[in-house]
Full PDB file with SEQRES, HELIX, SHEET, SSBOND, CRYST1, ORIGX, SCALE, CONECT and MASTER records, all heavy atoms in Angstrom:
SEQRES   1 A   30  VAL VAL THR ASP ARG THR THR GLY GLU ARG SER THR ILE          
SEQRES   2 A   30  LYS THR VAL LYS SER PRO LEU ILE SER SER MET ARG ALA          
SEQRES   3 A   30  TRP SER LYS ASP                                              
SHEET    1 AA1 2 VAL A   2  THR A   3  0                                        
SHEET    2 AA1 2 ARG A  10  SER A  11 -1                                        
CRYST1    1.000    1.000    1.000  90.00  90.00  90.00 P 1           1          
ORIGX1      1.000000  0.000000  0.000000        0.00000                         
ORIGX2      0.000000  1.000000  0.000000        0.00000                         
ORIGX3      0.000000  0.000000  1.000000        0.00000                         
SCALE1      1.000000  0.000000  0.000000        0.00000                         
SCALE2      0.000000  1.000000  0.000000        0.00000                         
SCALE3      0.000000  0.000000  1.000000        0.00000                         
ATOM      1  N   VAL A   1       0.879  -1.138  -0.033  1.00  0.00           N  
ATOM      2  CA  VAL A   1       0.010   0.005   0.072  1.00  0.00           C  
ATOM      3  C   VAL A   1       0.916   1.249  -0.026  1.00  0.00           C  
ATOM      4  O   VAL A   1       1.760   1.376   0.857  1.00  0.00           O  
ATOM      5  CB  VAL A   1      -0.970   0.066   1.166  1.00  0.00           C  
ATOM      6  CG1 VAL A   1      -1.746   1.350   1.251  1.00  0.00           C  
ATOM      7  CG2 VAL A   1      -1.796  -1.160   1.177  1.00  0.00           C  
ATOM      8  N   VAL A   2       0.767   2.097  -1.031  1.00  0.00           N  
ATOM      9  CA  VAL A   2       1.614   3.309  -1.133  1.00  0.00           C  
ATOM     10  C   VAL A   2       0.643   4.512  -0.845  1.00  0.00           C  
ATOM     11  O   VAL A   2      -0.293   4.701  -1.577  1.00  0.00           O  
ATOM     12  CB  VAL A   2       2.201   3.419  -2.553  1.00  0.00           C  
ATOM     13  CG1 VAL A   2       3.051   4.641  -2.658  1.00  0.00           C  
ATOM     14  CG2 VAL A   2       3.086   2.154  -2.868  1.00  0.00           C  
ATOM     15  N   THR A   3       1.131   5.279   0.092  1.00  0.00           N  
ATOM     16  CA  THR A   3       0.298   6.540   0.539  1.00  0.00           C  
ATOM     17  C   THR A   3       1.001   7.732   0.031  1.00  0.00           C  
ATOM     18  O   THR A   3       2.236   7.949   0.355  1.00  0.00           O  
ATOM     19  CB  THR A   3       0.149   6.544   2.041  1.00  0.00           C  
ATOM     20  OG1 THR A   3      -0.538   5.361   2.501  1.00  0.00           O  
ATOM     21  CG2 THR A   3      -0.669   7.790   2.447  1.00  0.00           C  
ATOM     22  N   ASP A   4       0.325   8.549  -0.679  1.00  0.00           N  
ATOM     23  CA  ASP A   4       0.849   9.917  -1.070  1.00  0.00           C  
ATOM     24  C   ASP A   4       0.506  10.877  -0.004  1.00  0.00           C  
ATOM     25  O   ASP A   4      -0.644  11.183   0.195  1.00  0.00           O  
ATOM     26  CB  ASP A   4       0.210  10.331  -2.443  1.00  0.00           C  
ATOM     27  CG  ASP A   4       0.880  11.674  -3.001  1.00  0.00           C  
ATOM     28  OD1 ASP A   4       1.406  12.391  -2.132  1.00  0.00           O  
ATOM     29  OD2 ASP A   4       0.762  11.900  -4.177  1.00  0.00           O  
ATOM     30  N   ARG A   5       1.443  11.308   0.761  1.00  0.00           N  
ATOM     31  CA  ARG A   5       1.137  12.126   1.955  1.00  0.00           C  
ATOM     32  C   ARG A   5       0.748  13.576   1.599  1.00  0.00           C  
ATOM     33  O   ARG A   5       0.166  14.307   2.382  1.00  0.00           O  
ATOM     34  CB  ARG A   5       2.424  12.242   2.848  1.00  0.00           C  
ATOM     35  CG  ARG A   5       2.573  10.913   3.566  1.00  0.00           C  
ATOM     36  CD  ARG A   5       4.058  10.683   3.828  1.00  0.00           C  
ATOM     37  NE  ARG A   5       4.260   9.808   4.947  1.00  0.00           N  
ATOM     38  CZ  ARG A   5       5.432   9.474   5.508  1.00  0.00           C  
ATOM     39  NH1 ARG A   5       6.516  10.073   5.060  1.00  0.00           N  
ATOM     40  NH2 ARG A   5       5.591   8.807   6.508  1.00  0.00           N  
ATOM     41  N   THR A   6       0.969  13.929   0.345  1.00  0.00           N  
ATOM     42  CA  THR A   6       0.554  15.335  -0.068  1.00  0.00           C  
ATOM     43  C   THR A   6      -0.884  15.356  -0.485  1.00  0.00           C  
ATOM     44  O   THR A   6      -1.550  16.431  -0.237  1.00  0.00           O  
ATOM     45  CB  THR A   6       1.440  15.824  -1.243  1.00  0.00           C  
ATOM     46  OG1 THR A   6       1.124  14.951  -2.481  1.00  0.00           O  
ATOM     47  CG2 THR A   6       2.901  15.874  -0.904  1.00  0.00           C  
ATOM     48  N   THR A   7      -1.466  14.264  -0.917  1.00  0.00           N  
ATOM     49  CA  THR A   7      -2.828  14.232  -1.418  1.00  0.00           C  
ATOM     50  C   THR A   7      -3.753  13.340  -0.463  1.00  0.00           C  
ATOM     51  O   THR A   7      -4.922  13.444  -0.459  1.00  0.00           O  
ATOM     52  CB  THR A   7      -2.947  13.789  -2.794  1.00  0.00           C  
ATOM     53  OG1 THR A   7      -2.528  12.376  -2.910  1.00  0.00           O  
ATOM     54  CG2 THR A   7      -2.108  14.748  -3.709  1.00  0.00           C  
ATOM     55  N   GLY A   8      -3.099  12.441   0.222  1.00  0.00           N  
ATOM     56  CA  GLY A   8      -3.799  11.425   1.015  1.00  0.00           C  
ATOM     57  C   GLY A   8      -4.257  10.280   0.240  1.00  0.00           C  
ATOM     58  O   GLY A   8      -4.779   9.278   0.698  1.00  0.00           O  
ATOM     59  N   GLU A   9      -3.933  10.250  -1.113  1.00  0.00           N  
ATOM     60  CA  GLU A   9      -4.294   9.097  -1.931  1.00  0.00           C  
ATOM     61  C   GLU A   9      -3.487   7.878  -1.621  1.00  0.00           C  
ATOM     62  O   GLU A   9      -2.272   7.939  -1.421  1.00  0.00           O  
ATOM     63  CB  GLU A   9      -4.081   9.503  -3.381  1.00  0.00           C  
ATOM     64  CG  GLU A   9      -4.509   8.349  -4.324  1.00  0.00           C  
ATOM     65  CD  GLU A   9      -4.305   8.742  -5.879  1.00  0.00           C  
ATOM     66  OE1 GLU A   9      -3.859   9.887  -6.129  1.00  0.00           O  
ATOM     67  OE2 GLU A   9      -4.578   7.926  -6.665  1.00  0.00           O  
ATOM     68  N   ARG A  10      -4.145   6.764  -1.602  1.00  0.00           N  
ATOM     69  CA  ARG A  10      -3.394   5.548  -1.327  1.00  0.00           C  
ATOM     70  C   ARG A  10      -3.783   4.477  -2.452  1.00  0.00           C  
ATOM     71  O   ARG A  10      -4.898   4.447  -2.924  1.00  0.00           O  
ATOM     72  CB  ARG A  10      -3.886   4.899  -0.026  1.00  0.00           C  
ATOM     73  CG  ARG A  10      -3.416   5.767   1.222  1.00  0.00           C  
ATOM     74  CD  ARG A  10      -3.635   5.150   2.494  1.00  0.00           C  
ATOM     75  NE  ARG A  10      -5.044   4.841   2.724  1.00  0.00           N  
ATOM     76  CZ  ARG A  10      -5.546   3.731   3.146  1.00  0.00           C  
ATOM     77  NH1 ARG A  10      -4.791   2.699   3.439  1.00  0.00           N  
ATOM     78  NH2 ARG A  10      -6.841   3.619   3.326  1.00  0.00           N  
ATOM     79  N   SER A  11      -2.747   3.698  -2.841  1.00  0.00           N  
ATOM     80  CA  SER A  11      -2.951   2.771  -3.871  1.00  0.00           C  
ATOM     81  C   SER A  11      -2.488   1.377  -3.425  1.00  0.00           C  
ATOM     82  O   SER A  11      -1.477   1.244  -2.721  1.00  0.00           O  
ATOM     83  CB  SER A  11      -2.217   3.143  -5.122  1.00  0.00           C  
ATOM     84  OG  SER A  11      -0.802   3.314  -4.918  1.00  0.00           O  
ATOM     85  N   THR A  12      -3.191   0.385  -3.723  1.00  0.00           N  
ATOM     86  CA  THR A  12      -2.852  -1.014  -3.268  1.00  0.00           C  
ATOM     87  C   THR A  12      -2.427  -1.695  -4.611  1.00  0.00           C  
ATOM     88  O   THR A  12      -3.181  -1.777  -5.548  1.00  0.00           O  
ATOM     89  CB  THR A  12      -4.028  -1.815  -2.597  1.00  0.00           C  
ATOM     90  OG1 THR A  12      -4.550  -1.030  -1.557  1.00  0.00           O  
ATOM     91  CG2 THR A  12      -3.695  -3.111  -2.340  1.00  0.00           C  
ATOM     92  N   ILE A  13      -1.138  -2.301  -4.498  1.00  0.00           N  
ATOM     93  CA  ILE A  13      -0.531  -2.845  -5.691  1.00  0.00           C  
ATOM     94  C   ILE A  13      -0.183  -4.320  -5.381  1.00  0.00           C  
ATOM     95  O   ILE A  13       0.584  -4.537  -4.452  1.00  0.00           O  
ATOM     96  CB  ILE A  13       0.745  -2.071  -6.157  1.00  0.00           C  
ATOM     97  CG1 ILE A  13       0.367  -0.588  -6.258  1.00  0.00           C  
ATOM     98  CG2 ILE A  13       1.330  -2.660  -7.490  1.00  0.00           C  
ATOM     99  CD1 ILE A  13       1.496   0.324  -6.486  1.00  0.00           C  
ATOM    100  N   LYS A  14      -0.728  -5.233  -6.159  1.00  0.00           N  
ATOM    101  CA  LYS A  14      -0.446  -6.672  -5.912  1.00  0.00           C  
ATOM    102  C   LYS A  14       0.897  -7.014  -6.549  1.00  0.00           C  
ATOM    103  O   LYS A  14       1.246  -6.482  -7.609  1.00  0.00           O  
ATOM    104  CB  LYS A  14      -1.549  -7.525  -6.535  1.00  0.00           C  
ATOM    105  CG  LYS A  14      -2.907  -7.334  -5.848  1.00  0.00           C  
ATOM    106  CD  LYS A  14      -3.925  -8.260  -6.389  1.00  0.00           C  
ATOM    107  CE  LYS A  14      -4.343  -7.901  -7.777  1.00  0.00           C  
ATOM    108  NZ  LYS A  14      -5.409  -8.766  -8.374  1.00  0.00           N  
ATOM    109  N   THR A  15       1.607  -7.880  -6.018  1.00  0.00           N  
ATOM    110  CA  THR A  15       2.943  -8.270  -6.447  1.00  0.00           C  
ATOM    111  C   THR A  15       3.001  -9.760  -6.937  1.00  0.00           C  
ATOM    112  O   THR A  15       2.956 -10.129  -8.065  1.00  0.00           O  
ATOM    113  CB  THR A  15       3.960  -8.040  -5.299  1.00  0.00           C  
ATOM    114  OG1 THR A  15       3.520  -8.730  -4.076  1.00  0.00           O  
ATOM    115  CG2 THR A  15       4.155  -6.519  -5.190  1.00  0.00           C  
ATOM    116  N   VAL A  16       3.065 -10.734  -5.905  1.00  0.00           N  
ATOM    117  CA  VAL A  16       3.182 -12.153  -6.340  1.00  0.00           C  
ATOM    118  C   VAL A  16       2.063 -12.944  -5.610  1.00  0.00           C  
ATOM    119  O   VAL A  16       1.524 -12.469  -4.616  1.00  0.00           O  
ATOM    120  CB  VAL A  16       4.511 -12.841  -5.919  1.00  0.00           C  
ATOM    121  CG1 VAL A  16       5.640 -12.101  -6.815  1.00  0.00           C  
ATOM    122  CG2 VAL A  16       4.799 -12.517  -4.466  1.00  0.00           C  
ATOM    123  N   LYS A  17       1.804 -14.166  -6.106  1.00  0.00           N  
ATOM    124  CA  LYS A  17       0.641 -14.871  -5.558  1.00  0.00           C  
ATOM    125  C   LYS A  17       1.193 -16.030  -4.625  1.00  0.00           C  
ATOM    126  O   LYS A  17       2.307 -16.478  -4.790  1.00  0.00           O  
ATOM    127  CB  LYS A  17      -0.099 -15.536  -6.776  1.00  0.00           C  
ATOM    128  CG  LYS A  17      -1.473 -16.060  -6.383  1.00  0.00           C  
ATOM    129  CD  LYS A  17      -2.294 -16.293  -7.559  1.00  0.00           C  
ATOM    130  CE  LYS A  17      -3.728 -16.667  -7.108  1.00  0.00           C  
ATOM    131  NZ  LYS A  17      -4.723 -16.854  -8.303  1.00  0.00           N  
ATOM    132  N   SER A  18       0.398 -16.394  -3.702  1.00  0.00           N  
ATOM    133  CA  SER A  18       0.706 -17.402  -2.716  1.00  0.00           C  
ATOM    134  C   SER A  18       1.040 -18.737  -3.497  1.00  0.00           C  
ATOM    135  O   SER A  18       0.432 -18.996  -4.523  1.00  0.00           O  
ATOM    136  CB  SER A  18      -0.509 -17.652  -1.844  1.00  0.00           C  
ATOM    137  OG  SER A  18      -0.304 -18.765  -1.048  1.00  0.00           O  
ATOM    138  N   PRO A  19       2.061 -19.453  -3.060  1.00  0.00           N  
ATOM    139  CA  PRO A  19       2.795 -19.371  -1.779  1.00  0.00           C  
ATOM    140  C   PRO A  19       3.894 -18.494  -1.773  1.00  0.00           C  
ATOM    141  O   PRO A  19       4.784 -18.473  -0.824  1.00  0.00           O  
ATOM    142  CB  PRO A  19       3.207 -20.846  -1.475  1.00  0.00           C  
ATOM    143  CG  PRO A  19       3.382 -21.419  -2.831  1.00  0.00           C  
ATOM    144  CD  PRO A  19       2.436 -20.683  -3.812  1.00  0.00           C  
ATOM    145  N   LEU A  20       4.260 -17.738  -2.893  1.00  0.00           N  
ATOM    146  CA  LEU A  20       5.351 -16.835  -2.877  1.00  0.00           C  
ATOM    147  C   LEU A  20       5.087 -15.496  -1.975  1.00  0.00           C  
ATOM    148  O   LEU A  20       3.892 -15.260  -1.717  1.00  0.00           O  
ATOM    149  CB  LEU A  20       5.649 -16.370  -4.305  1.00  0.00           C  
ATOM    150  CG  LEU A  20       5.881 -17.401  -5.318  1.00  0.00           C  
ATOM    151  CD1 LEU A  20       6.105 -16.817  -6.723  1.00  0.00           C  
ATOM    152  CD2 LEU A  20       7.165 -18.284  -4.940  1.00  0.00           C  
ATOM    153  N   ILE A  21       6.126 -14.934  -1.545  1.00  0.00           N  
ATOM    154  CA  ILE A  21       5.923 -13.649  -0.885  1.00  0.00           C  
ATOM    155  C   ILE A  21       6.893 -12.636  -1.577  1.00  0.00           C  
ATOM    156  O   ILE A  21       7.870 -12.973  -2.241  1.00  0.00           O  
ATOM    157  CB  ILE A  21       6.263 -13.680   0.607  1.00  0.00           C  
ATOM    158  CG1 ILE A  21       7.734 -13.988   0.915  1.00  0.00           C  
ATOM    159  CG2 ILE A  21       5.346 -14.751   1.370  1.00  0.00           C  
ATOM    160  CD1 ILE A  21       8.131 -13.740   2.370  1.00  0.00           C  
ATOM    161  N   SER A  22       6.558 -11.318  -1.393  1.00  0.00           N  
ATOM    162  CA  SER A  22       7.411 -10.314  -1.943  1.00  0.00           C  
ATOM    163  C   SER A  22       7.904  -9.428  -0.787  1.00  0.00           C  
ATOM    164  O   SER A  22       7.140  -8.631  -0.210  1.00  0.00           O  
ATOM    165  CB  SER A  22       6.699  -9.436  -2.976  1.00  0.00           C  
ATOM    166  OG  SER A  22       5.483  -8.917  -2.471  1.00  0.00           O  
ATOM    167  N   SER A  23       9.171  -9.589  -0.431  1.00  0.00           N  
ATOM    168  CA  SER A  23       9.678  -8.767   0.704  1.00  0.00           C  
ATOM    169  C   SER A  23      10.202  -7.432   0.124  1.00  0.00           C  
ATOM    170  O   SER A  23      10.847  -7.412  -0.866  1.00  0.00           O  
ATOM    171  CB  SER A  23      10.776  -9.460   1.433  1.00  0.00           C  
ATOM    172  OG  SER A  23      11.778  -9.963   0.599  1.00  0.00           O  
ATOM    173  N   MET A  24       9.850  -6.241   0.778  1.00  0.00           N  
ATOM    174  CA  MET A  24      10.244  -4.953   0.362  1.00  0.00           C  
ATOM    175  C   MET A  24      11.674  -4.671   0.515  1.00  0.00           C  
ATOM    176  O   MET A  24      12.265  -4.936   1.575  1.00  0.00           O  
ATOM    177  CB  MET A  24       9.361  -3.927   1.051  1.00  0.00           C  
ATOM    178  CG  MET A  24       9.448  -2.606   0.357  1.00  0.00           C  
ATOM    179  SD  MET A  24       8.349  -1.302   1.152  1.00  0.00           S  
ATOM    180  CE  MET A  24       7.275  -2.191   2.247  1.00  0.00           C  
ATOM    181  N   ARG A  25      12.353  -4.292  -0.476  1.00  0.00           N  
ATOM    182  CA  ARG A  25      13.824  -4.052  -0.411  1.00  0.00           C  
ATOM    183  C   ARG A  25      14.127  -2.551  -0.397  1.00  0.00           C  
ATOM    184  O   ARG A  25      14.812  -2.120   0.479  1.00  0.00           O  
ATOM    185  CB  ARG A  25      14.520  -4.644  -1.649  1.00  0.00           C  
ATOM    186  CG  ARG A  25      14.509  -6.149  -1.719  1.00  0.00           C  
ATOM    187  CD  ARG A  25      15.545  -6.756  -0.752  1.00  0.00           C  
ATOM    188  NE  ARG A  25      15.269  -6.657   0.649  1.00  0.00           N  
ATOM    189  CZ  ARG A  25      14.549  -7.448   1.305  1.00  0.00           C  
ATOM    190  NH1 ARG A  25      13.972  -8.641   0.700  1.00  0.00           N  
ATOM    191  NH2 ARG A  25      14.188  -7.302   2.572  1.00  0.00           N  
ATOM    192  N   ALA A  26      13.785  -1.826  -1.378  1.00  0.00           N  
ATOM    193  CA  ALA A  26      14.186  -0.354  -1.398  1.00  0.00           C  
ATOM    194  C   ALA A  26      13.490   0.456  -2.404  1.00  0.00           C  
ATOM    195  O   ALA A  26      13.001  -0.123  -3.481  1.00  0.00           O  
ATOM    196  CB  ALA A  26      15.708  -0.340  -1.745  1.00  0.00           C  
ATOM    197  N   TRP A  27      13.449   1.741  -2.173  1.00  0.00           N  
ATOM    198  CA  TRP A  27      13.020   2.766  -3.198  1.00  0.00           C  
ATOM    199  C   TRP A  27      14.144   3.037  -4.121  1.00  0.00           C  
ATOM    200  O   TRP A  27      15.316   2.948  -3.753  1.00  0.00           O  
ATOM    201  CB  TRP A  27      12.595   4.043  -2.548  1.00  0.00           C  
ATOM    202  CG  TRP A  27      11.258   4.021  -1.776  1.00  0.00           C  
ATOM    203  CD1 TRP A  27      10.959   3.650  -0.516  1.00  0.00           C  
ATOM    204  CD2 TRP A  27       9.938   4.484  -2.297  1.00  0.00           C  
ATOM    205  NE1 TRP A  27       9.673   3.779  -0.177  1.00  0.00           N  
ATOM    206  CE2 TRP A  27       9.036   4.277  -1.359  1.00  0.00           C  
ATOM    207  CE3 TRP A  27       9.652   4.932  -3.554  1.00  0.00           C  
ATOM    208  CZ2 TRP A  27       7.736   4.584  -1.470  1.00  0.00           C  
ATOM    209  CZ3 TRP A  27       8.240   5.274  -3.856  1.00  0.00           C  
ATOM    210  CH2 TRP A  27       7.306   5.118  -2.719  1.00  0.00           C  
ATOM    211  N   SER A  28      13.785   3.379  -5.350  1.00  0.00           N  
ATOM    212  CA  SER A  28      14.792   3.916  -6.233  1.00  0.00           C  
ATOM    213  C   SER A  28      15.209   5.265  -5.875  1.00  0.00           C  
ATOM    214  O   SER A  28      14.436   5.975  -5.124  1.00  0.00           O  
ATOM    215  CB  SER A  28      14.205   3.914  -7.728  1.00  0.00           C  
ATOM    216  OG  SER A  28      13.132   4.750  -7.829  1.00  0.00           O  
ATOM    217  N   LYS A  29      16.342   5.771  -6.313  1.00  0.00           N  
ATOM    218  CA  LYS A  29      16.727   7.129  -5.907  1.00  0.00           C  
ATOM    219  C   LYS A  29      15.819   8.274  -6.228  1.00  0.00           C  
ATOM    220  O   LYS A  29      15.746   9.228  -5.473  1.00  0.00           O  
ATOM    221  CB  LYS A  29      18.149   7.396  -6.504  1.00  0.00           C  
ATOM    222  CG  LYS A  29      19.291   6.451  -6.045  1.00  0.00           C  
ATOM    223  CD  LYS A  29      20.603   6.885  -6.566  1.00  0.00           C  
ATOM    224  CE  LYS A  29      20.776   6.854  -8.077  1.00  0.00           C  
ATOM    225  NZ  LYS A  29      20.825   5.331  -8.552  1.00  0.00           N  
ATOM    226  N   ASP A  30      15.111   8.134  -7.314  1.00  0.00           N  
ATOM    227  CA  ASP A  30      14.217   9.122  -7.778  1.00  0.00           C  
ATOM    228  C   ASP A  30      12.764   9.001  -7.087  1.00  0.00           C  
ATOM    229  O   ASP A  30      11.875   9.765  -7.434  1.00  0.00           O  
ATOM    230  CB  ASP A  30      14.105   9.276  -9.275  1.00  0.00           C  
ATOM    231  CG  ASP A  30      13.556   8.005  -9.933  1.00  0.00           C  
ATOM    232  OD1 ASP A  30      13.183   7.075  -9.153  1.00  0.00           O  
ATOM    233  OD2 ASP A  30      13.472   7.910 -11.102  1.00  0.00           O  
TER     234      ASP A  30                                                      
MASTER        0    0    0    0    2    0    0    6  233    1    0    3          
END                                                                             
């Protein structure tokens, strides 16, 4: 779930399907 703190908008983005998981690593520099 990504929250834009300037607008309050939130988006839910699906990644991989069970039984896999997607662990968060890092933002890009930009």
